Amino acid sequence: MENPAAFWGALFFILLIAGANFLMYAIVRGVTRSGNKNFLETLSNTLNPNARKKDESMQELRQRIEELEKSKKDRAGDSE
C-alpha cells in the first residue's frame, strides 16, 4: 500500500457510512415497533421532541382559560 493516509481515510469513511445506516435502522425499527396507532405521528415525535412540549404548554393554556371563563361565569351568576 503506497499511501497509508488514504487507507485510513477510506476506512473512516466506510465506518461513518455504516454507522449512519445502523442509526437510521435503529430509529425506524423503534418507530415501527412502538405500538402507537399512527406511524407518521410517532416518526415526527421522534424527530422533533420539542413539538410535544409545545402541545403540552398549549393544553395547559387552554385549561387555564377554561378555568378563568368558568370562574367569570360563576361570578356573573352570583351577582344576579
PDB file of N, CA and C in Angstrom:
ATOM      1  N   MET A   1       0.847  -1.166   0.000  1.00  0.00           N
ATOM      2  CA  MET A   1       0.000   0.000   0.000  1.00  0.00           C
ATOM      3  C   MET A   1       0.899   1.237   0.000  1.00  0.00           C
ATOM      4  N   GLU A   2       0.681   2.113  -0.965  1.00  0.00           N
ATOM      5  CA  GLU A   2       1.548   3.272  -1.123  1.00  0.00           C
ATOM      6  C   GLU A   2       1.259   4.381  -0.123  1.00  0.00           C
ATOM      7  N   ASN A   3      -0.021   4.643   0.122  1.00  0.00           N
ATOM      8  CA  ASN A   3      -0.374   5.798   0.945  1.00  0.00           C
ATOM      9  C   ASN A   3      -1.239   5.338   2.128  1.00  0.00           C
ATOM     10  N   PRO A   4      -0.666   5.229   3.316  1.00  0.00           N
ATOM     11  CA  PRO A   4      -1.468   4.766   4.460  1.00  0.00           C
ATOM     12  C   PRO A   4      -2.536   5.782   4.880  1.00  0.00           C
ATOM     13  N   ALA A   5      -2.336   7.047   4.615  1.00  0.00           N
ATOM     14  CA  ALA A   5      -3.351   8.045   4.965  1.00  0.00           C
ATOM     15  C   ALA A   5      -4.628   7.828   4.152  1.00  0.00           C
ATOM     16  N   ALA A   6      -4.491   7.442   2.894  1.00  0.00           N
ATOM     17  CA  ALA A   6      -5.662   7.162   2.052  1.00  0.00           C
ATOM     18  C   ALA A   6      -6.405   5.936   2.574  1.00  0.00           C
ATOM     19  N   PHE A   7      -5.670   4.947   3.022  1.00  0.00           N
ATOM     20  CA  PHE A   7      -6.292   3.742   3.587  1.00  0.00           C
ATOM     21  C   PHE A   7      -7.113   4.100   4.821  1.00  0.00           C
ATOM     22  N   TRP A   8      -6.522   4.858   5.751  1.00  0.00           N
ATOM     23  CA  TRP A   8      -7.241   5.221   6.973  1.00  0.00           C
ATOM     24  C   TRP A   8      -8.418   6.142   6.675  1.00  0.00           C
ATOM     25  N   GLY A   9      -8.268   7.017   5.703  1.00  0.00           N
ATOM     26  CA  GLY A   9      -9.380   7.883   5.308  1.00  0.00           C
ATOM     27  C   GLY A   9     -10.536   7.094   4.728  1.00  0.00           C
ATOM     28  N   ALA A  10     -10.215   6.132   3.864  1.00  0.00           N
ATOM     29  CA  ALA A  10     -11.259   5.291   3.279  1.00  0.00           C
ATOM     30  C   ALA A  10     -11.936   4.440   4.350  1.00  0.00           C
ATOM     31  N   LEU A  11     -11.156   3.902   5.271  1.00  0.00           N
ATOM     32  CA  LEU A  11     -11.720   3.096   6.352  1.00  0.00           C
ATOM     33  C   LEU A  11     -12.648   3.930   7.237  1.00  0.00           C
ATOM     34  N   PHE A  12     -12.228   5.144   7.558  1.00  0.00           N
ATOM     35  CA  PHE A  12     -13.065   6.044   8.354  1.00  0.00           C
ATOM     36  C   PHE A  12     -14.365   6.358   7.624  1.00  0.00           C
ATOM     37  N   PHE A  13     -14.276   6.615   6.322  1.00  0.00           N
ATOM     38  CA  PHE A  13     -15.468   6.928   5.530  1.00  0.00           C
ATOM     39  C   PHE A  13     -16.426   5.740   5.510  1.00  0.00           C
ATOM     40  N   ILE A  14     -15.917   4.547   5.337  1.00  0.00           N
ATOM     41  CA  ILE A  14     -16.768   3.349   5.313  1.00  0.00           C
ATOM     42  C   ILE A  14     -17.437   3.144   6.666  1.00  0.00           C
ATOM     43  N   LEU A  15     -16.686   3.311   7.737  1.00  0.00           N
ATOM     44  CA  LEU A  15     -17.268   3.164   9.077  1.00  0.00           C
ATOM     45  C   LEU A  15     -18.308   4.243   9.360  1.00  0.00           C
ATOM     46  N   LEU A  16     -18.080   5.444   8.864  1.00  0.00           N
ATOM     47  CA  LEU A  16     -19.041   6.535   9.042  1.00  0.00           C
ATOM     48  C   LEU A  16     -20.358   6.211   8.337  1.00  0.00           C
ATOM     49  N   ILE A  17     -20.281   5.725   7.111  1.00  0.00           N
ATOM     50  CA  ILE A  17     -21.484   5.355   6.361  1.00  0.00           C
ATOM     51  C   ILE A  17     -22.201   4.186   7.040  1.00  0.00           C
ATOM     52  N   ALA A  18     -21.456   3.182   7.477  1.00  0.00           N
ATOM     53  CA  ALA A  18     -22.066   2.032   8.157  1.00  0.00           C
ATOM     54  C   ALA A  18     -22.730   2.464   9.465  1.00  0.00           C
ATOM     55  N   GLY A  19     -22.100   3.354  10.213  1.00  0.00           N
ATOM     56  CA  GLY A  19     -22.696   3.851  11.456  1.00  0.00           C
ATOM     57  C   GLY A  19     -23.972   4.635  11.211  1.00  0.00           C
ATOM     58  N   ALA A  20     -23.989   5.460  10.176  1.00  0.00           N
ATOM     59  CA  ALA A  20     -25.195   6.232   9.854  1.00  0.00           C
ATOM     60  C   ALA A  20     -26.335   5.298   9.451  1.00  0.00           C
ATOM     61  N   ASN A  21     -26.021   4.275   8.673  1.00  0.00           N
ATOM     62  CA  ASN A  21     -27.058   3.312   8.274  1.00  0.00           C
ATOM     63  C   ASN A  21     -27.603   2.561   9.486  1.00  0.00           C
ATOM     64  N   PHE A  22     -26.736   2.167  10.397  1.00  0.00           N
ATOM     65  CA  PHE A  22     -27.187   1.474  11.597  1.00  0.00           C
ATOM     66  C   PHE A  22     -28.080   2.377  12.445  1.00  0.00           C
ATOM     67  N   LEU A  23     -27.718   3.639  12.569  1.00  0.00           N
ATOM     68  CA  LEU A  23     -28.516   4.587  13.337  1.00  0.00           C
ATOM     69  C   LEU A  23     -29.908   4.756  12.718  1.00  0.00           C
ATOM     70  N   MET A  24     -29.984   4.908  11.409  1.00  0.00           N
ATOM     71  CA  MET A  24     -31.282   5.041  10.737  1.00  0.00           C
ATOM     72  C   MET A  24     -32.118   3.770  10.909  1.00  0.00           C
ATOM     73  N   TYR A  25     -31.476   2.619  10.812  1.00  0.00           N
ATOM     74  CA  TYR A  25     -32.179   1.355  11.013  1.00  0.00           C
ATOM     75  C   TYR A  25     -32.769   1.284  12.421  1.00  0.00           C
ATOM     76  N   ALA A  26     -31.989   1.690  13.411  1.00  0.00           N
ATOM     77  CA  ALA A  26     -32.465   1.650  14.801  1.00  0.00           C
ATOM     78  C   ALA A  26     -33.633   2.601  15.006  1.00  0.00           C
ATOM     79  N   ILE A  27     -33.575   3.783  14.414  1.00  0.00           N
ATOM     80  CA  ILE A  27     -34.675   4.743  14.561  1.00  0.00           C
ATOM     81  C   ILE A  27     -35.943   4.202  13.936  1.00  0.00           C
ATOM     82  N   VAL A  28     -35.847   3.696  12.713  1.00  0.00           N
ATOM     83  CA  VAL A  28     -37.042   3.191  12.021  1.00  0.00           C
ATOM     84  C   VAL A  28     -37.595   1.965  12.728  1.00  0.00           C
ATOM     85  N   ARG A  29     -36.738   1.094  13.205  1.00  0.00           N
ATOM     86  CA  ARG A  29     -37.209  -0.089  13.925  1.00  0.00           C
ATOM     87  C   ARG A  29     -37.931   0.310  15.213  1.00  0.00           C
ATOM     88  N   GLY A  30     -37.393   1.283  15.928  1.00  0.00           N
ATOM     89  CA  GLY A  30     -38.048   1.741  17.144  1.00  0.00           C
ATOM     90  C   GLY A  30     -39.392   2.389  16.875  1.00  0.00           C
ATOM     91  N   VAL A  31     -39.487   3.108  15.783  1.00  0.00           N
ATOM     92  CA  VAL A  31     -40.744   3.777  15.443  1.00  0.00           C
ATOM     93  C   VAL A  31     -41.803   2.754  15.059  1.00  0.00           C
ATOM     94  N   THR A  32     -41.428   1.767  14.265  1.00  0.00           N
ATOM     95  CA  THR A  32     -42.421   0.799  13.805  1.00  0.00           C
ATOM     96  C   THR A  32     -42.833  -0.174  14.903  1.00  0.00           C
ATOM     97  N   ARG A  33     -42.010  -0.394  15.889  1.00  0.00           N
ATOM     98  CA  ARG A  33     -42.327  -1.351  16.961  1.00  0.00           C
ATOM     99  C   ARG A  33     -42.874  -0.681  18.215  1.00  0.00           C
ATOM    100  N   SER A  34     -43.111   0.606  18.171  1.00  0.00           N
ATOM    101  CA  SER A  34     -43.543   1.305  19.375  1.00  0.00           C
ATOM    102  C   SER A  34     -44.974   0.969  19.770  1.00  0.00           C
ATOM    103  N   GLY A  35     -45.786   0.484  18.837  1.00  0.00           N
ATOM    104  CA  GLY A  35     -47.148   0.108  19.156  1.00  0.00           C
ATOM    105  C   GLY A  35     -48.133   1.257  19.087  1.00  0.00           C
ATOM    106  N   ASN A  36     -47.671   2.434  18.730  1.00  0.00           N
ATOM    107  CA  ASN A  36     -48.593   3.563  18.598  1.00  0.00           C
ATOM    108  C   ASN A  36     -49.449   3.391  17.357  1.00  0.00           C
ATOM    109  N   LYS A  37     -50.576   4.083  17.341  1.00  0.00           N
ATOM    110  CA  LYS A  37     -51.532   3.881  16.267  1.00  0.00           C
ATOM    111  C   LYS A  37     -51.133   4.548  14.957  1.00  0.00           C
ATOM    112  N   ASN A  38     -50.357   5.608  15.007  1.00  0.00           N
ATOM    113  CA  ASN A  38     -50.050   6.353  13.798  1.00  0.00           C
ATOM    114  C   ASN A  38     -48.535   6.403  13.575  1.00  0.00           C
ATOM    115  N   PHE A  39     -48.094   5.805  12.484  1.00  0.00           N
ATOM    116  CA  PHE A  39     -46.664   5.721  12.178  1.00  0.00           C
ATOM    117  C   PHE A  39     -46.051   7.106  11.964  1.00  0.00           C
ATOM    118  N   LEU A  40     -46.722   7.955  11.192  1.00  0.00           N
ATOM    119  CA  LEU A  40     -46.166   9.281  10.885  1.00  0.00           C
ATOM    120  C   LEU A  40     -46.113  10.173  12.123  1.00  0.00           C
ATOM    121  N   GLU A  41     -47.103  10.066  12.993  1.00  0.00           N
ATOM    122  CA  GLU A  41     -47.098  10.853  14.231  1.00  0.00           C
ATOM    123  C   GLU A  41     -45.934  10.433  15.128  1.00  0.00           C
ATOM    124  N   THR A  42     -45.706   9.144  15.225  1.00  0.00           N
ATOM    125  CA  THR A  42     -44.602   8.642  16.027  1.00  0.00           C
ATOM    126  C   THR A  42     -43.269   9.076  15.448  1.00  0.00           C
ATOM    127  N   LEU A  43     -43.153   9.029  14.131  1.00  0.00           N
ATOM    128  CA  LEU A  43     -41.918   9.445  13.475  1.00  0.00           C
ATOM    129  C   LEU A  43     -41.661  10.926  13.694  1.00  0.00           C
ATOM    130  N   SER A  44     -42.687  11.746  13.584  1.00  0.00           N
ATOM    131  CA  SER A  44     -42.495  13.187  13.793  1.00  0.00           C
ATOM    132  C   SER A  44     -42.153  13.486  15.249  1.00  0.00           C
ATOM    133  N   ASN A  45     -42.729  12.755  16.199  1.00  0.00           N
ATOM    134  CA  ASN A  45     -42.378  12.948  17.607  1.00  0.00           C
ATOM    135  C   ASN A  45     -40.945  12.526  17.890  1.00  0.00           C
ATOM    136  N   THR A  46     -40.486  11.496  17.195  1.00  0.00           N
ATOM    137  CA  THR A  46     -39.115  11.046  17.370  1.00  0.00           C
ATOM    138  C   THR A  46     -38.135  12.082  16.847  1.00  0.00           C
ATOM    139  N   LEU A  47     -38.438  12.641  15.697  1.00  0.00           N
ATOM    140  CA  LEU A  47     -37.525  13.590  15.067  1.00  0.00           C
ATOM    141  C   LEU A  47     -37.629  14.988  15.645  1.00  0.00           C
ATOM    142  N   ASN A  48     -38.780  15.350  16.225  1.00  0.00           N
ATOM    143  CA  ASN A  48     -38.967  16.692  16.756  1.00  0.00           C
ATOM    144  C   ASN A  48     -39.606  16.628  18.142  1.00  0.00           C
ATOM    145  N   PRO A  49     -38.833  16.375  19.182  1.00  0.00           N
ATOM    146  CA  PRO A  49     -39.416  16.246  20.522  1.00  0.00           C
ATOM    147  C   PRO A  49     -39.935  17.571  21.074  1.00  0.00           C
ATOM    148  N   ASN A  50     -39.525  18.706  20.528  1.00  0.00           N
ATOM    149  CA  ASN A  50     -39.997  19.998  21.022  1.00  0.00           C
ATOM    150  C   ASN A  50     -41.469  20.231  20.709  1.00  0.00           C
ATOM    151  N   ALA A  51     -41.989  19.581  19.686  1.00  0.00           N
ATOM    152  CA  ALA A  51     -43.398  19.743  19.332  1.00  0.00           C
ATOM    153  C   ALA A  51     -44.292  19.245  20.461  1.00  0.00           C
ATOM    154  N   ARG A  52     -43.893  18.178  21.118  1.00  0.00           N
ATOM    155  CA  ARG A  52     -44.683  17.636  22.228  1.00  0.00           C
ATOM    156  C   ARG A  52     -44.736  18.635  23.374  1.00  0.00           C
ATOM    157  N   LYS A  53     -43.614  19.292  23.655  1.00  0.00           N
ATOM    158  CA  LYS A  53     -43.585  20.283  24.725  1.00  0.00           C
ATOM    159  C   LYS A  53     -44.492  21.455  24.396  1.00  0.00           C
ATOM    160  N   LYS A  54     -44.502  21.861  23.138  1.00  0.00           N
ATOM    161  CA  LYS A  54     -45.372  22.960  22.722  1.00  0.00           C
ATOM    162  C   LYS A  54     -46.834  22.571  22.879  1.00  0.00           C
ATOM    163  N   ASP A  55     -47.179  21.324  22.493  1.00  0.00           N
ATOM    164  CA  ASP A  55     -48.557  20.860  22.630  1.00  0.00           C
ATOM    165  C   ASP A  55     -48.977  20.823  24.095  1.00  0.00           C
ATOM    166  N   GLU A  56     -48.080  20.377  24.974  1.00  0.00           N
ATOM    167  CA  GLU A  56     -48.402  20.331  26.396  1.00  0.00           C
ATOM    168  C   GLU A  56     -48.610  21.722  26.974  1.00  0.00           C
ATOM    169  N   SER A  57     -47.772  22.673  26.568  1.00  0.00           N
ATOM    170  CA  SER A  57     -47.935  24.031  27.086  1.00  0.00           C
ATOM    171  C   SER A  57     -49.219  24.660  26.551  1.00  0.00           C
ATOM    172  N   MET A  58     -49.569  24.372  25.304  1.00  0.00           N
ATOM    173  CA  MET A  58     -50.821  24.893  24.755  1.00  0.00           C
ATOM    174  C   MET A  58     -52.022  24.271  25.479  1.00  0.00           C
ATOM    175  N   GLN A  59     -51.943  22.997  25.824  1.00  0.00           N
ATOM    176  CA  GLN A  59     -53.029  22.348  26.557  1.00  0.00           C
ATOM    177  C   GLN A  59     -53.194  22.977  27.938  1.00  0.00           C
ATOM    178  N   GLU A  60     -52.079  23.277  28.601  1.00  0.00           N
ATOM    179  CA  GLU A  60     -52.151  23.941  29.902  1.00  0.00           C
ATOM    180  C   GLU A  60     -52.796  25.314  29.772  1.00  0.00           C
ATOM    181  N   LEU A  61     -52.454  26.027  28.723  1.00  0.00           N
ATOM    182  CA  LEU A  61     -53.036  27.346  28.490  1.00  0.00           C
ATOM    183  C   LEU A  61     -54.539  27.238  28.251  1.00  0.00           C
ATOM    184  N   ARG A  62     -54.960  26.244  27.465  1.00  0.00           N
ATOM    185  CA  ARG A  62     -56.399  26.060  27.221  1.00  0.00           C
ATOM    186  C   ARG A  62     -57.145  25.764  28.521  1.00  0.00           C
ATOM    187  N   GLN A  63     -56.559  24.905  29.353  1.00  0.00           N
ATOM    188  CA  GLN A  63     -57.207  24.573  30.621  1.00  0.00           C
ATOM    189  C   GLN A  63     -57.316  25.806  31.513  1.00  0.00           C
ATOM    190  N   ARG A  64     -56.286  26.610  31.551  1.00  0.00           N
ATOM    191  CA  ARG A  64     -56.300  27.826  32.385  1.00  0.00           C
ATOM    192  C   ARG A  64     -57.362  28.805  31.897  1.00  0.00           C
ATOM    193  N   ILE A  65     -57.479  28.951  30.576  1.00  0.00           N
ATOM    194  CA  ILE A  65     -58.504  29.848  30.019  1.00  0.00           C
ATOM    195  C   ILE A  65     -59.895  29.336  30.355  1.00  0.00           C
ATOM    196  N   GLU A  66     -60.104  28.022  30.256  1.00  0.00           N
ATOM    197  CA  GLU A  66     -61.406  27.450  30.603  1.00  0.00           C
ATOM    198  C   GLU A  66     -61.737  27.696  32.075  1.00  0.00           C
ATOM    199  N   GLU A  67     -60.741  27.531  32.948  1.00  0.00           N
ATOM    200  CA  GLU A  67     -60.973  27.783  34.371  1.00  0.00           C
ATOM    201  C   GLU A  67     -61.337  29.238  34.623  1.00  0.00           C
ATOM    202  N   LEU A  68     -60.649  30.148  33.962  1.00  0.00           N
ATOM    203  CA  LEU A  68     -60.952  31.575  34.135  1.00  0.00           C
ATOM    204  C   LEU A  68     -62.337  31.917  33.612  1.00  0.00           C
ATOM    205  N   GLU A  69     -62.708  31.361  32.460  1.00  0.00           N
ATOM    206  CA  GLU A  69     -64.045  31.620  31.928  1.00  0.00           C
ATOM    207  C   GLU A  69     -65.124  31.050  32.840  1.00  0.00           C
ATOM    208  N   LYS A  70     -64.870  29.875  33.400  1.00  0.00           N
ATOM    209  CA  LYS A  70     -65.841  29.259  34.298  1.00  0.00           C
ATOM    210  C   LYS A  70     -66.011  30.102  35.563  1.00  0.00           C
ATOM    211  N   SER A  71     -64.898  30.585  36.110  1.00  0.00           N
ATOM    212  CA  SER A  71     -64.997  31.408  37.317  1.00  0.00           C
ATOM    213  C   SER A  71     -65.665  32.746  37.001  1.00  0.00           C
ATOM    214  N   LYS A  72     -65.460  33.255  35.802  1.00  0.00           N
ATOM    215  CA  LYS A  72     -66.105  34.506  35.400  1.00  0.00           C
ATOM    216  C   LYS A  72     -67.620  34.308  35.295  1.00  0.00           C
ATOM    217  N   LYS A  73     -68.059  33.176  34.738  1.00  0.00           N
ATOM    218  CA  LYS A  73     -69.482  32.887  34.643  1.00  0.00           C
ATOM    219  C   LYS A  73     -70.100  32.688  36.027  1.00  0.00           C
ATOM    220  N   ASP A  74     -69.341  32.043  36.916  1.00  0.00           N
ATOM    221  CA  ASP A  74     -69.831  31.827  38.284  1.00  0.00           C
ATOM    222  C   ASP A  74     -70.042  33.169  38.988  1.00  0.00           C
ATOM    223  N   ARG A  75     -69.129  34.067  38.820  1.00  0.00           N
ATOM    224  CA  ARG A  75     -69.242  35.392  39.449  1.00  0.00           C
ATOM    225  C   ARG A  75     -70.418  36.182  38.863  1.00  0.00           C
ATOM    226  N   ALA A  76     -70.631  36.042  37.560  1.00  0.00           N
ATOM    227  CA  ALA A  76     -71.748  36.739  36.923  1.00  0.00           C
ATOM    228  C   ALA A  76     -73.075  36.153  37.412  1.00  0.00           C
ATOM    229  N   GLY A  77     -73.129  34.845  37.633  1.00  0.00           N
ATOM    230  CA  GLY A  77     -74.332  34.195  38.140  1.00  0.00           C
ATOM    231  C   GLY A  77     -74.605  34.552  39.588  1.00  0.00           C
ATOM    232  N   ASP A  78     -73.571  34.783  40.386  1.00  0.00           N
ATOM    233  CA  ASP A  78     -73.721  35.142  41.804  1.00  0.00           C
ATOM    234  C   ASP A  78     -74.268  36.543  41.966  1.00  0.00           C
ATOM    235  N   SER A  79     -73.933  37.462  41.066  1.00  0.00           N
ATOM    236  CA  SER A  79     -74.338  38.859  41.232  1.00  0.00           C
ATOM    237  C   SER A  79     -75.784  39.070  40.824  1.00  0.00           C
ATOM    238  N   GLU A  80     -76.387  38.149  40.086  1.00  0.00           N
ATOM    239  CA  GLU A  80     -77.788  38.341  39.654  1.00  0.00           C
ATOM    240  C   GLU A  80     -78.765  37.972  40.695  1.00  0.00           C
TER     241      GLU A  80
END
